[in-house]
């Protein structure tokens, strides 16, 4: 009964937070962030363990796969624009991947992070189903990498609008590639506000980042460690 209650509670809280976000449209009120915070508070106050919560919520987690597959539809409807802009898309994702790896490696070294932490951080801009196996293959901790992936997604979703204005990024390709390459699925939830074309470009960037990351990240780790 607790497991069933957790499923219902998660869905209702998300619906409620979505309503609040649409009413006020403030970045910090992003539904995926506020829902997570509310659930953590509820679980902490009620004493319900994470394992108990996931015994029911795993069914929601299991919908991640079909949700990702569902992104194929906007890819199909926007296929002509994707083919037309294939060169800037591929170049943009490649540059984003390399700059992300180099920047995190430099910052990790400057901050004297432990070796396992540096290795766990490297795949943080790749979607979690790919990032976790990559992390394990290069000597990182997959569970820790998953946390970094979520943080990268949240930061991208929260700061995306501000950075678009600051850097005057006003095209679907620019917005989609920048967020999709750095903030994966969570970032895409924010891109949906900018229309189907922008979200499609983000989906393409996220997919290409996963493919490129699976090859580039292990090689990069081999070079710097």
N, C-alpha and C. Protein backbone atom coordinates (compact mmCIF):
# COMPACT_ATOMS: atom_id res chain seq x y z
N UNK A 1 0.83 -1.21 0.00
CA UNK A 1 0.00 0.00 0.00
C UNK A 1 0.87 1.26 0.00
N UNK A 2 1.99 1.20 0.74
CA UNK A 2 2.89 2.35 0.75
C UNK A 2 3.46 2.59 -0.64
N UNK A 3 3.84 1.50 -1.32
CA UNK A 3 4.39 1.60 -2.67
C UNK A 3 3.39 2.23 -3.63
N UNK A 4 2.14 1.76 -3.54
CA UNK A 4 1.09 2.33 -4.40
C UNK A 4 0.88 3.80 -4.07
N UNK A 5 0.90 4.11 -2.78
CA UNK A 5 0.75 5.50 -2.36
C UNK A 5 1.86 6.39 -2.89
N UNK A 6 3.08 5.85 -2.97
CA UNK A 6 4.21 6.62 -3.48
C UNK A 6 4.05 6.94 -4.95
N UNK A 7 3.51 5.98 -5.71
CA UNK A 7 3.26 6.22 -7.13
C UNK A 7 2.26 7.36 -7.30
N UNK A 8 1.15 7.24 -6.57
CA UNK A 8 0.09 8.26 -6.67
C UNK A 8 0.60 9.61 -6.21
N UNK A 9 1.34 9.61 -5.10
CA UNK A 9 1.86 10.86 -4.56
C UNK A 9 2.81 11.54 -5.54
N UNK A 10 3.69 10.75 -6.15
CA UNK A 10 4.65 11.31 -7.11
C UNK A 10 3.95 11.96 -8.29
N UNK A 11 2.95 11.26 -8.82
CA UNK A 11 2.21 11.79 -9.98
C UNK A 11 1.46 13.07 -9.60
N UNK A 12 0.77 13.04 -8.45
CA UNK A 12 -0.01 14.21 -8.04
C UNK A 12 0.88 15.40 -7.73
N UNK A 13 2.01 15.15 -7.08
CA UNK A 13 2.93 16.25 -6.77
C UNK A 13 3.48 16.86 -8.05
N UNK A 14 3.84 16.01 -9.01
CA UNK A 14 4.37 16.52 -10.28
C UNK A 14 3.32 17.36 -11.01
N UNK A 15 2.08 16.88 -11.02
CA UNK A 15 1.00 17.64 -11.67
C UNK A 15 0.83 18.99 -10.98
N UNK A 16 0.86 18.97 -9.64
CA UNK A 16 0.72 20.21 -8.89
C UNK A 16 1.86 21.17 -9.14
N UNK A 17 3.09 20.67 -9.18
CA UNK A 17 4.25 21.52 -9.43
C UNK A 17 4.26 22.06 -10.85
N UNK A 18 3.73 21.26 -11.78
CA UNK A 18 3.62 21.72 -13.17
C UNK A 18 2.65 22.89 -13.27
N UNK A 19 1.54 22.79 -12.53
CA UNK A 19 0.56 23.88 -12.51
C UNK A 19 1.18 25.16 -11.92
N UNK A 20 1.95 24.99 -10.84
CA UNK A 20 2.61 26.14 -10.22
C UNK A 20 3.60 26.78 -11.19
N UNK A 21 4.36 25.94 -11.90
CA UNK A 21 5.36 26.45 -12.84
C UNK A 21 4.71 27.21 -13.99
N UNK A 22 3.61 26.67 -14.50
CA UNK A 22 2.91 27.36 -15.59
C UNK A 22 2.30 28.68 -15.13
N UNK A 23 1.97 28.73 -13.85
CA UNK A 23 1.37 29.95 -13.30
C UNK A 23 2.42 31.04 -13.10
N UNK A 24 3.61 30.66 -12.64
CA UNK A 24 4.62 31.67 -12.32
C UNK A 24 5.83 31.66 -13.26
N UNK A 25 6.11 30.54 -13.93
CA UNK A 25 7.19 30.41 -14.91
C UNK A 25 8.51 30.97 -14.40
N UNK A 26 8.91 30.55 -13.21
CA UNK A 26 10.19 30.95 -12.64
C UNK A 26 11.12 29.76 -12.70
N UNK A 27 12.38 29.92 -13.19
CA UNK A 27 13.28 28.77 -13.38
C UNK A 27 13.41 27.85 -12.18
N UNK A 28 13.47 28.41 -10.98
CA UNK A 28 13.64 27.58 -9.79
C UNK A 28 12.39 26.76 -9.46
N UNK A 29 11.31 27.04 -10.15
CA UNK A 29 10.08 26.28 -9.94
C UNK A 29 9.90 25.18 -10.99
N UNK A 30 10.97 24.84 -11.68
CA UNK A 30 10.92 23.77 -12.67
C UNK A 30 10.35 22.51 -12.01
N UNK A 31 9.30 21.91 -12.58
CA UNK A 31 8.61 20.79 -11.93
C UNK A 31 9.49 19.64 -11.50
N UNK A 32 10.47 19.27 -12.31
CA UNK A 32 11.31 18.13 -11.95
C UNK A 32 12.16 18.42 -10.72
N UNK A 33 12.49 19.70 -10.51
CA UNK A 33 13.27 20.10 -9.33
C UNK A 33 12.38 20.19 -8.10
N UNK A 34 11.28 20.91 -8.22
CA UNK A 34 10.39 21.09 -7.07
C UNK A 34 9.75 19.78 -6.63
N UNK A 35 9.40 18.93 -7.59
CA UNK A 35 8.83 17.62 -7.24
C UNK A 35 9.83 16.79 -6.45
N UNK A 36 11.08 16.81 -6.89
CA UNK A 36 12.13 16.06 -6.18
C UNK A 36 12.30 16.56 -4.76
N UNK A 37 12.32 17.87 -4.59
CA UNK A 37 12.49 18.47 -3.26
C UNK A 37 11.33 18.09 -2.34
N UNK A 38 10.12 18.20 -2.86
CA UNK A 38 8.93 17.88 -2.06
C UNK A 38 8.94 16.41 -1.65
N UNK A 39 9.29 15.53 -2.59
CA UNK A 39 9.34 14.10 -2.28
C UNK A 39 10.41 13.78 -1.23
N UNK A 40 11.56 14.43 -1.34
CA UNK A 40 12.62 14.20 -0.34
C UNK A 40 12.16 14.61 1.05
N UNK A 41 11.47 15.76 1.12
CA UNK A 41 10.96 16.24 2.41
C UNK A 41 9.92 15.27 2.97
N UNK A 42 9.01 14.80 2.12
CA UNK A 42 7.96 13.88 2.56
C UNK A 42 8.57 12.57 3.06
N UNK A 43 9.52 12.03 2.30
CA UNK A 43 10.15 10.77 2.70
C UNK A 43 10.93 10.93 4.01
N UNK A 44 11.59 12.07 4.16
CA UNK A 44 12.37 12.32 5.38
C UNK A 44 11.47 12.44 6.60
N UNK A 45 10.38 13.17 6.44
CA UNK A 45 9.47 13.39 7.57
C UNK A 45 8.67 12.14 7.92
N UNK A 46 8.34 11.35 6.91
CA UNK A 46 7.51 10.17 7.15
C UNK A 46 8.33 8.94 7.54
N UNK A 47 9.65 9.01 7.33
CA UNK A 47 10.49 7.88 7.67
C UNK A 47 10.44 6.75 6.66
N UNK A 48 9.86 6.99 5.50
CA UNK A 48 9.80 5.97 4.46
C UNK A 48 11.17 5.87 3.79
N UNK A 49 11.71 4.67 3.69
CA UNK A 49 13.04 4.49 3.10
C UNK A 49 12.99 4.64 1.57
N UNK A 50 14.15 4.89 0.99
CA UNK A 50 14.24 5.02 -0.46
C UNK A 50 13.86 3.71 -1.15
N UNK A 51 14.28 2.58 -0.57
CA UNK A 51 13.96 1.27 -1.15
C UNK A 51 12.45 1.04 -1.18
N UNK A 52 11.78 1.45 -0.10
CA UNK A 52 10.32 1.30 -0.04
C UNK A 52 9.66 2.18 -1.08
N UNK A 53 10.15 3.41 -1.21
CA UNK A 53 9.61 4.33 -2.21
C UNK A 53 9.78 3.76 -3.62
N UNK A 54 10.97 3.24 -3.92
CA UNK A 54 11.25 2.73 -5.26
C UNK A 54 10.51 1.44 -5.57
N UNK A 55 10.04 0.73 -4.54
CA UNK A 55 9.27 -0.48 -4.80
C UNK A 55 7.99 -0.15 -5.57
N UNK A 56 7.54 1.07 -5.43
CA UNK A 56 6.37 1.50 -6.19
C UNK A 56 6.76 2.42 -7.34
N UNK A 57 7.69 3.35 -7.05
CA UNK A 57 8.07 4.34 -8.05
C UNK A 57 8.87 3.75 -9.20
N UNK A 58 9.34 2.50 -9.05
CA UNK A 58 10.11 1.88 -10.14
C UNK A 58 9.27 1.78 -11.41
N UNK A 59 7.95 1.74 -11.25
CA UNK A 59 7.09 1.68 -12.43
C UNK A 59 7.12 2.99 -13.20
N UNK A 60 7.27 4.09 -12.47
CA UNK A 60 7.43 5.39 -13.14
C UNK A 60 8.80 5.44 -13.80
N UNK A 61 9.81 4.97 -13.09
CA UNK A 61 11.17 4.94 -13.63
C UNK A 61 11.23 4.09 -14.89
N UNK A 62 10.43 3.03 -14.91
CA UNK A 62 10.43 2.15 -16.07
C UNK A 62 9.86 2.79 -17.32
N UNK A 63 9.15 3.92 -17.16
CA UNK A 63 8.58 4.61 -18.30
C UNK A 63 9.60 5.50 -19.01
N UNK A 64 10.81 5.59 -18.43
CA UNK A 64 11.86 6.41 -19.05
C UNK A 64 12.19 5.91 -20.45
N UNK A 65 12.28 4.59 -20.58
CA UNK A 65 12.59 4.01 -21.89
C UNK A 65 11.58 4.39 -22.95
N UNK A 66 10.28 4.12 -22.72
CA UNK A 66 9.26 4.52 -23.71
C UNK A 66 9.24 6.03 -23.97
N UNK A 67 9.54 6.82 -22.94
CA UNK A 67 9.56 8.28 -23.12
C UNK A 67 10.67 8.68 -24.08
N UNK A 68 11.83 8.04 -23.95
CA UNK A 68 12.95 8.33 -24.85
C UNK A 68 12.60 7.90 -26.27
N UNK A 69 11.99 6.72 -26.40
CA UNK A 69 11.59 6.25 -27.72
C UNK A 69 10.58 7.21 -28.35
N UNK A 70 9.72 7.79 -27.49
CA UNK A 70 8.72 8.73 -27.98
C UNK A 70 9.32 9.97 -28.63
N UNK A 71 10.60 10.25 -28.32
CA UNK A 71 11.27 11.41 -28.93
C UNK A 71 11.52 11.19 -30.41
N UNK A 72 11.36 9.95 -30.87
CA UNK A 72 11.57 9.66 -32.28
C UNK A 72 10.54 10.36 -33.16
N UNK A 73 9.37 10.63 -32.62
CA UNK A 73 8.33 11.27 -33.43
C UNK A 73 8.72 12.68 -33.88
N UNK A 74 9.13 13.58 -32.95
CA UNK A 74 9.57 14.90 -33.43
C UNK A 74 10.81 14.81 -34.32
N UNK A 75 11.66 13.81 -34.11
CA UNK A 75 12.81 13.63 -35.00
C UNK A 75 12.33 13.34 -36.43
N UNK A 76 11.27 12.55 -36.51
CA UNK A 76 10.72 12.21 -37.83
C UNK A 76 10.07 13.42 -38.49
N UNK A 77 9.30 14.18 -37.74
CA UNK A 77 8.61 15.32 -38.32
C UNK A 77 9.58 16.44 -38.73
N UNK A 78 10.74 16.50 -38.07
CA UNK A 78 11.71 17.55 -38.37
C UNK A 78 12.91 17.01 -39.16
N UNK A 79 12.74 15.86 -39.78
CA UNK A 79 13.88 15.18 -40.43
C UNK A 79 14.52 16.02 -41.54
N UNK A 80 13.72 16.78 -42.27
CA UNK A 80 14.28 17.58 -43.37
C UNK A 80 15.22 18.66 -42.84
N UNK A 81 14.84 19.31 -41.75
CA UNK A 81 15.69 20.35 -41.16
C UNK A 81 16.96 19.74 -40.56
N UNK A 82 16.82 18.53 -40.00
CA UNK A 82 17.98 17.86 -39.42
C UNK A 82 18.99 17.53 -40.51
N UNK A 83 18.51 16.98 -41.63
CA UNK A 83 19.40 16.62 -42.74
C UNK A 83 20.03 17.88 -43.34
N UNK A 84 19.25 18.93 -43.47
CA UNK A 84 19.73 20.18 -44.05
C UNK A 84 20.84 20.80 -43.20
N UNK A 85 20.73 20.65 -41.88
CA UNK A 85 21.69 21.27 -40.97
C UNK A 85 22.62 20.26 -40.32
N UNK A 86 22.86 19.15 -40.97
CA UNK A 86 23.64 18.06 -40.37
C UNK A 86 25.07 18.49 -40.02
N UNK A 87 25.69 19.33 -40.84
CA UNK A 87 27.08 19.74 -40.58
C UNK A 87 27.19 20.58 -39.31
N UNK A 88 26.42 21.69 -39.17
CA UNK A 88 26.52 22.46 -37.92
C UNK A 88 26.09 21.67 -36.69
N UNK A 89 25.16 20.74 -36.85
CA UNK A 89 24.72 19.91 -35.72
C UNK A 89 25.86 19.01 -35.25
N UNK A 90 26.49 18.31 -36.18
CA UNK A 90 27.57 17.39 -35.82
C UNK A 90 28.76 18.15 -35.25
N UNK A 91 29.12 19.27 -35.88
CA UNK A 91 30.25 20.07 -35.40
C UNK A 91 29.95 20.64 -34.01
N UNK A 92 28.71 21.12 -33.83
CA UNK A 92 28.32 21.70 -32.55
C UNK A 92 28.38 20.70 -31.41
N UNK A 93 27.87 19.51 -31.66
CA UNK A 93 27.88 18.46 -30.63
C UNK A 93 29.30 18.01 -30.32
N UNK A 94 30.12 17.89 -31.35
CA UNK A 94 31.52 17.47 -31.16
C UNK A 94 32.29 18.48 -30.32
N UNK A 95 32.14 19.75 -30.66
CA UNK A 95 32.81 20.82 -29.90
C UNK A 95 32.31 20.84 -28.46
N UNK A 96 31.00 20.67 -28.28
CA UNK A 96 30.42 20.66 -26.93
C UNK A 96 30.97 19.50 -26.11
N UNK A 97 31.08 18.34 -26.73
CA UNK A 97 31.60 17.16 -26.04
C UNK A 97 33.05 17.37 -25.60
N UNK A 98 33.89 17.83 -26.53
CA UNK A 98 35.31 18.03 -26.23
C UNK A 98 35.52 19.14 -25.20
N UNK A 99 34.81 20.24 -25.35
CA UNK A 99 34.96 21.35 -24.41
C UNK A 99 34.48 20.96 -23.02
N UNK A 100 33.44 20.12 -22.96
CA UNK A 100 32.94 19.65 -21.67
C UNK A 100 33.95 18.76 -20.97
N UNK A 101 34.55 17.86 -21.72
CA UNK A 101 35.55 16.96 -21.14
C UNK A 101 36.80 17.72 -20.68
N UNK A 102 37.27 18.62 -21.53
CA UNK A 102 38.48 19.38 -21.20
C UNK A 102 38.27 20.29 -20.00
N UNK A 103 37.13 20.99 -19.97
CA UNK A 103 36.86 21.92 -18.87
C UNK A 103 36.72 21.20 -17.54
N UNK A 104 36.01 20.06 -17.54
CA UNK A 104 35.82 19.34 -16.27
C UNK A 104 37.13 18.72 -15.81
N UNK A 105 37.99 18.30 -16.75
CA UNK A 105 39.29 17.74 -16.39
C UNK A 105 40.18 18.80 -15.76
N UNK A 106 40.19 19.99 -16.36
CA UNK A 106 41.02 21.08 -15.84
C UNK A 106 40.54 21.53 -14.46
N UNK A 107 39.23 21.72 -14.33
CA UNK A 107 38.68 22.15 -13.04
C UNK A 107 38.92 21.10 -11.95
N UNK A 108 38.77 19.84 -12.30
CA UNK A 108 38.99 18.76 -11.33
C UNK A 108 40.44 18.74 -10.84
N UNK A 109 41.37 18.95 -11.77
CA UNK A 109 42.78 18.99 -11.41
C UNK A 109 43.08 20.19 -10.53
N UNK A 110 42.52 21.36 -10.90
CA UNK A 110 42.76 22.59 -10.14
C UNK A 110 42.22 22.49 -8.72
N UNK A 111 41.10 21.77 -8.57
CA UNK A 111 40.47 21.64 -7.26
C UNK A 111 40.97 20.40 -6.51
N UNK A 112 41.95 19.72 -7.10
CA UNK A 112 42.59 18.56 -6.46
C UNK A 112 41.59 17.47 -6.05
N UNK A 113 40.63 17.20 -6.92
CA UNK A 113 39.69 16.12 -6.66
C UNK A 113 40.42 14.78 -6.67
N UNK A 114 39.91 13.85 -5.90
CA UNK A 114 40.48 12.51 -5.91
C UNK A 114 40.26 11.85 -7.26
N UNK A 115 41.10 10.89 -7.56
CA UNK A 115 41.08 10.25 -8.87
C UNK A 115 39.72 9.68 -9.23
N UNK A 116 39.08 8.96 -8.30
CA UNK A 116 37.79 8.34 -8.60
C UNK A 116 36.71 9.39 -8.87
N UNK A 117 36.85 10.54 -8.21
CA UNK A 117 35.88 11.61 -8.40
C UNK A 117 36.04 12.25 -9.78
N UNK A 118 37.27 12.44 -10.20
CA UNK A 118 37.53 12.99 -11.53
C UNK A 118 36.99 12.06 -12.62
N UNK A 119 37.21 10.78 -12.44
CA UNK A 119 36.74 9.80 -13.43
C UNK A 119 35.20 9.73 -13.45
N UNK A 120 34.59 9.90 -12.31
CA UNK A 120 33.12 9.87 -12.22
C UNK A 120 32.50 11.11 -12.84
N UNK A 121 33.23 12.21 -12.82
CA UNK A 121 32.72 13.48 -13.35
C UNK A 121 32.75 13.56 -14.88
N UNK A 122 33.70 12.89 -15.49
CA UNK A 122 33.91 13.04 -16.93
C UNK A 122 32.65 12.82 -17.77
N UNK A 123 31.84 11.77 -17.51
CA UNK A 123 30.68 11.53 -18.39
C UNK A 123 29.43 12.32 -17.98
N UNK A 124 29.56 13.36 -17.17
CA UNK A 124 28.38 14.01 -16.58
C UNK A 124 27.46 14.68 -17.61
N UNK A 125 27.97 14.93 -18.82
CA UNK A 125 27.14 15.58 -19.84
C UNK A 125 26.49 14.58 -20.79
N UNK A 126 26.61 13.29 -20.47
CA UNK A 126 26.02 12.23 -21.30
C UNK A 126 24.81 11.66 -20.56
N UNK A 127 23.78 11.30 -21.29
CA UNK A 127 22.58 10.78 -20.65
C UNK A 127 22.90 9.56 -19.80
N UNK A 128 22.25 9.42 -18.66
CA UNK A 128 22.65 8.45 -17.63
C UNK A 128 22.74 6.99 -18.08
N UNK A 129 21.86 6.47 -18.95
CA UNK A 129 22.01 5.06 -19.35
C UNK A 129 23.35 4.77 -20.04
N UNK A 130 23.95 5.79 -20.65
CA UNK A 130 25.24 5.63 -21.31
C UNK A 130 26.37 6.08 -20.38
N UNK A 131 26.11 7.12 -19.61
CA UNK A 131 27.15 7.69 -18.74
C UNK A 131 27.61 6.70 -17.66
N UNK A 132 26.68 5.95 -17.10
CA UNK A 132 27.03 5.03 -16.01
C UNK A 132 27.96 3.90 -16.47
N UNK A 133 27.68 3.23 -17.59
CA UNK A 133 28.63 2.20 -18.05
C UNK A 133 29.99 2.80 -18.43
N UNK A 134 29.98 4.02 -19.00
CA UNK A 134 31.24 4.68 -19.35
C UNK A 134 32.04 4.94 -18.08
N UNK A 135 31.36 5.44 -17.05
CA UNK A 135 32.01 5.72 -15.78
C UNK A 135 32.67 4.48 -15.21
N UNK A 136 31.96 3.37 -15.25
CA UNK A 136 32.51 2.11 -14.73
C UNK A 136 33.73 1.67 -15.53
N UNK A 137 33.67 1.87 -16.86
CA UNK A 137 34.76 1.41 -17.72
C UNK A 137 36.03 2.22 -17.54
N UNK A 138 35.91 3.48 -17.08
CA UNK A 138 37.10 4.32 -16.92
C UNK A 138 37.54 4.43 -15.45
N UNK A 139 36.93 3.63 -14.58
CA UNK A 139 37.34 3.61 -13.18
C UNK A 139 36.58 4.55 -12.27
N UNK A 140 35.44 5.06 -12.73
CA UNK A 140 34.61 5.92 -11.89
C UNK A 140 33.58 5.12 -11.12
N UNK A 141 32.73 5.82 -10.40
CA UNK A 141 31.65 5.18 -9.64
C UNK A 141 30.33 5.50 -10.33
N UNK A 142 29.67 4.53 -10.96
CA UNK A 142 28.45 4.78 -11.72
C UNK A 142 27.37 5.54 -10.94
N UNK A 143 27.14 5.15 -9.69
CA UNK A 143 26.11 5.82 -8.89
C UNK A 143 26.44 7.30 -8.70
N UNK A 144 27.70 7.60 -8.51
CA UNK A 144 28.14 8.98 -8.34
C UNK A 144 27.99 9.74 -9.65
N UNK A 145 28.31 9.08 -10.73
CA UNK A 145 28.14 9.69 -12.05
C UNK A 145 26.68 10.05 -12.30
N UNK A 146 25.77 9.17 -11.88
CA UNK A 146 24.34 9.43 -12.06
C UNK A 146 23.92 10.72 -11.35
N UNK A 147 24.50 10.95 -10.17
CA UNK A 147 24.21 12.18 -9.43
C UNK A 147 24.71 13.39 -10.21
N UNK A 148 25.92 13.29 -10.76
CA UNK A 148 26.49 14.39 -11.52
C UNK A 148 25.68 14.66 -12.80
N UNK A 149 25.19 13.59 -13.41
CA UNK A 149 24.36 13.73 -14.61
C UNK A 149 23.09 14.51 -14.29
N UNK A 150 22.46 14.16 -13.18
CA UNK A 150 21.23 14.85 -12.76
C UNK A 150 21.52 16.31 -12.47
N UNK A 151 22.62 16.58 -11.77
CA UNK A 151 22.99 17.96 -11.45
C UNK A 151 23.25 18.77 -12.72
N UNK A 152 23.94 18.16 -13.69
CA UNK A 152 24.21 18.84 -14.96
C UNK A 152 22.91 19.16 -15.68
N UNK A 153 21.98 18.22 -15.64
CA UNK A 153 20.68 18.44 -16.27
C UNK A 153 19.90 19.56 -15.61
N UNK A 154 19.88 19.56 -14.29
CA UNK A 154 19.15 20.59 -13.55
C UNK A 154 19.76 21.98 -13.77
N UNK A 155 21.09 22.05 -13.73
CA UNK A 155 21.75 23.34 -13.92
C UNK A 155 21.46 23.89 -15.32
N UNK A 156 21.51 23.01 -16.32
CA UNK A 156 21.21 23.44 -17.68
C UNK A 156 19.78 23.91 -17.84
N UNK A 157 18.86 23.17 -17.22
CA UNK A 157 17.44 23.54 -17.31
C UNK A 157 17.15 24.85 -16.58
N UNK A 158 17.84 25.07 -15.46
CA UNK A 158 17.59 26.27 -14.66
C UNK A 158 18.23 27.52 -15.26
N UNK A 159 19.40 27.36 -15.87
CA UNK A 159 20.14 28.53 -16.37
C UNK A 159 20.00 28.74 -17.87
N UNK A 160 19.38 27.78 -18.56
CA UNK A 160 19.28 27.85 -20.02
C UNK A 160 18.69 29.15 -20.53
N UNK A 161 17.54 29.54 -20.01
CA UNK A 161 16.87 30.76 -20.48
C UNK A 161 17.75 32.00 -20.29
N UNK A 162 18.41 32.07 -19.14
CA UNK A 162 19.29 33.21 -18.85
C UNK A 162 20.46 33.26 -19.83
N UNK A 163 21.06 32.10 -20.08
CA UNK A 163 22.21 32.05 -20.99
C UNK A 163 21.79 32.35 -22.43
N UNK A 164 20.60 31.93 -22.82
CA UNK A 164 20.10 32.25 -24.15
C UNK A 164 20.04 33.77 -24.35
N UNK A 165 19.53 34.46 -23.34
CA UNK A 165 19.43 35.92 -23.42
C UNK A 165 20.80 36.58 -23.36
N UNK A 166 21.64 36.09 -22.44
CA UNK A 166 22.97 36.67 -22.26
C UNK A 166 23.82 36.53 -23.51
N UNK A 167 23.77 35.37 -24.13
CA UNK A 167 24.60 35.10 -25.32
C UNK A 167 23.85 35.32 -26.63
N UNK A 168 22.62 35.79 -26.51
CA UNK A 168 21.78 36.08 -27.69
C UNK A 168 21.64 34.86 -28.61
N UNK A 169 21.35 33.75 -27.99
CA UNK A 169 21.10 32.52 -28.74
C UNK A 169 19.60 32.45 -29.02
N UNK A 170 19.22 32.67 -30.26
CA UNK A 170 17.79 32.76 -30.56
C UNK A 170 17.35 31.81 -31.68
N UNK A 171 18.19 30.85 -32.04
CA UNK A 171 17.81 29.88 -33.07
C UNK A 171 17.53 28.52 -32.45
N UNK A 172 16.71 27.75 -33.12
CA UNK A 172 16.36 26.41 -32.61
C UNK A 172 17.59 25.53 -32.54
N UNK A 173 18.47 25.62 -33.53
CA UNK A 173 19.67 24.78 -33.54
C UNK A 173 20.59 25.17 -32.39
N UNK A 174 20.81 26.48 -32.22
CA UNK A 174 21.69 26.96 -31.16
C UNK A 174 21.21 26.54 -29.78
N UNK A 175 19.92 26.74 -29.53
CA UNK A 175 19.37 26.38 -28.23
C UNK A 175 19.35 24.88 -28.02
N UNK A 176 18.94 24.15 -29.06
CA UNK A 176 18.85 22.70 -28.94
C UNK A 176 20.19 22.03 -28.75
N UNK A 177 21.18 22.43 -29.53
CA UNK A 177 22.50 21.82 -29.43
C UNK A 177 23.16 22.13 -28.10
N UNK A 178 23.05 23.38 -27.65
CA UNK A 178 23.71 23.78 -26.40
C UNK A 178 23.15 23.03 -25.20
N UNK A 179 21.84 22.96 -25.08
CA UNK A 179 21.22 22.30 -23.94
C UNK A 179 21.25 20.78 -24.09
N UNK A 180 20.97 20.28 -25.27
CA UNK A 180 20.96 18.84 -25.48
C UNK A 180 22.32 18.20 -25.28
N UNK A 181 23.38 18.94 -25.62
CA UNK A 181 24.73 18.40 -25.47
C UNK A 181 25.23 18.43 -24.03
N UNK A 182 24.70 19.34 -23.24
CA UNK A 182 25.19 19.52 -21.88
C UNK A 182 24.24 19.02 -20.79
N UNK A 183 22.95 19.03 -21.09
CA UNK A 183 21.98 18.77 -20.02
C UNK A 183 20.99 17.65 -20.33
N UNK A 184 21.22 16.92 -21.42
CA UNK A 184 20.46 15.71 -21.79
C UNK A 184 18.96 15.78 -21.51
N UNK A 185 18.37 14.71 -20.97
CA UNK A 185 16.92 14.60 -20.85
C UNK A 185 16.26 15.67 -20.01
N UNK A 186 16.88 16.02 -18.89
CA UNK A 186 16.29 17.05 -18.02
C UNK A 186 16.26 18.40 -18.74
N UNK A 187 17.32 18.68 -19.48
CA UNK A 187 17.35 19.91 -20.25
C UNK A 187 16.28 19.94 -21.32
N UNK A 188 15.99 18.78 -21.91
CA UNK A 188 14.96 18.71 -22.95
C UNK A 188 13.59 19.10 -22.42
N UNK A 189 13.34 18.81 -21.15
CA UNK A 189 12.05 19.18 -20.57
C UNK A 189 11.87 20.69 -20.59
N UNK A 190 12.97 21.42 -20.49
CA UNK A 190 12.92 22.88 -20.57
C UNK A 190 12.80 23.35 -22.02
N UNK A 191 13.49 22.65 -22.92
CA UNK A 191 13.44 23.02 -24.34
C UNK A 191 12.05 22.89 -24.93
N UNK A 192 11.22 22.03 -24.33
CA UNK A 192 9.86 21.85 -24.84
C UNK A 192 9.09 23.16 -24.86
N UNK A 193 9.49 24.10 -24.00
CA UNK A 193 8.82 25.39 -23.94
C UNK A 193 9.11 26.25 -25.17
N UNK A 194 10.16 25.91 -25.90
CA UNK A 194 10.56 26.70 -27.06
C UNK A 194 10.05 26.13 -28.39
N UNK A 195 9.26 25.08 -28.31
CA UNK A 195 8.67 24.53 -29.52
C UNK A 195 9.28 23.21 -29.95
N UNK A 196 8.60 22.54 -30.87
CA UNK A 196 9.00 21.20 -31.32
C UNK A 196 10.36 21.21 -32.00
N UNK A 197 10.64 22.24 -32.82
CA UNK A 197 11.91 22.26 -33.55
C UNK A 197 13.09 22.34 -32.60
N UNK A 198 12.99 23.19 -31.59
CA UNK A 198 14.08 23.33 -30.63
C UNK A 198 14.28 22.04 -29.84
N UNK A 199 13.19 21.44 -29.41
CA UNK A 199 13.28 20.19 -28.65
C UNK A 199 13.86 19.07 -29.51
N UNK A 200 13.50 19.07 -30.80
CA UNK A 200 14.04 18.06 -31.71
C UNK A 200 15.54 18.19 -31.84
N UNK A 201 16.03 19.41 -31.99
CA UNK A 201 17.47 19.63 -32.09
C UNK A 201 18.16 19.20 -30.79
N UNK A 202 17.49 19.42 -29.67
CA UNK A 202 18.03 18.97 -28.40
C UNK A 202 18.10 17.45 -28.33
N UNK A 203 17.08 16.78 -28.85
CA UNK A 203 17.06 15.31 -28.87
C UNK A 203 18.19 14.76 -29.73
N UNK A 204 18.40 15.41 -30.88
CA UNK A 204 19.49 14.99 -31.76
C UNK A 204 20.83 15.16 -31.06
N UNK A 205 21.00 16.31 -30.40
CA UNK A 205 22.25 16.60 -29.69
C UNK A 205 22.49 15.59 -28.56
N UNK A 206 21.45 15.27 -27.82
CA UNK A 206 21.57 14.31 -26.72
C UNK A 206 21.97 12.94 -27.25
N UNK A 207 21.36 12.52 -28.35
CA UNK A 207 21.66 11.20 -28.94
C UNK A 207 23.09 11.16 -29.46
N UNK A 208 23.48 12.19 -30.20
CA UNK A 208 24.84 12.23 -30.74
C UNK A 208 25.88 12.31 -29.63
N UNK A 209 25.56 13.04 -28.57
CA UNK A 209 26.49 13.14 -27.44
C UNK A 209 26.71 11.78 -26.80
N UNK A 210 25.66 10.99 -26.72
CA UNK A 210 25.77 9.64 -26.14
C UNK A 210 26.65 8.76 -27.02
N UNK A 211 26.45 8.85 -28.34
CA UNK A 211 27.23 8.03 -29.27
C UNK A 211 28.70 8.45 -29.25
N UNK A 212 28.94 9.75 -29.38
CA UNK A 212 30.31 10.25 -29.38
C UNK A 212 31.00 10.01 -28.04
N UNK A 213 30.23 10.23 -26.96
CA UNK A 213 30.79 10.05 -25.63
C UNK A 213 31.25 8.64 -25.36
N UNK A 214 30.52 7.67 -25.90
CA UNK A 214 30.88 6.27 -25.70
C UNK A 214 32.26 5.94 -26.28
N UNK A 215 32.66 6.70 -27.30
CA UNK A 215 33.98 6.48 -27.92
C UNK A 215 35.04 7.45 -27.40
N UNK A 216 34.66 8.73 -27.31
CA UNK A 216 35.64 9.76 -26.97
C UNK A 216 36.01 9.76 -25.49
N UNK A 217 35.02 9.59 -24.60
CA UNK A 217 35.28 9.70 -23.16
C UNK A 217 36.31 8.69 -22.66
N UNK A 218 36.21 7.39 -23.01
CA UNK A 218 37.22 6.43 -22.55
C UNK A 218 38.62 6.76 -23.08
N UNK A 219 38.68 7.22 -24.34
CA UNK A 219 39.98 7.57 -24.93
C UNK A 219 40.56 8.79 -24.20
N UNK A 220 39.71 9.77 -23.93
CA UNK A 220 40.14 10.97 -23.22
C UNK A 220 40.65 10.63 -21.82
N UNK A 221 39.92 9.73 -21.14
CA UNK A 221 40.34 9.30 -19.80
C UNK A 221 41.67 8.57 -19.84
N UNK A 222 41.89 7.78 -20.88
CA UNK A 222 43.13 7.04 -21.02
C UNK A 222 44.31 7.99 -21.21
N UNK A 223 44.04 9.10 -21.87
CA UNK A 223 45.10 10.07 -22.14
C UNK A 223 45.49 10.87 -20.90
N UNK A 224 44.48 11.32 -20.14
CA UNK A 224 44.78 12.22 -19.02
C UNK A 224 45.09 11.51 -17.70
N UNK A 225 44.72 10.25 -17.56
CA UNK A 225 44.97 9.53 -16.31
C UNK A 225 46.15 8.57 -16.47
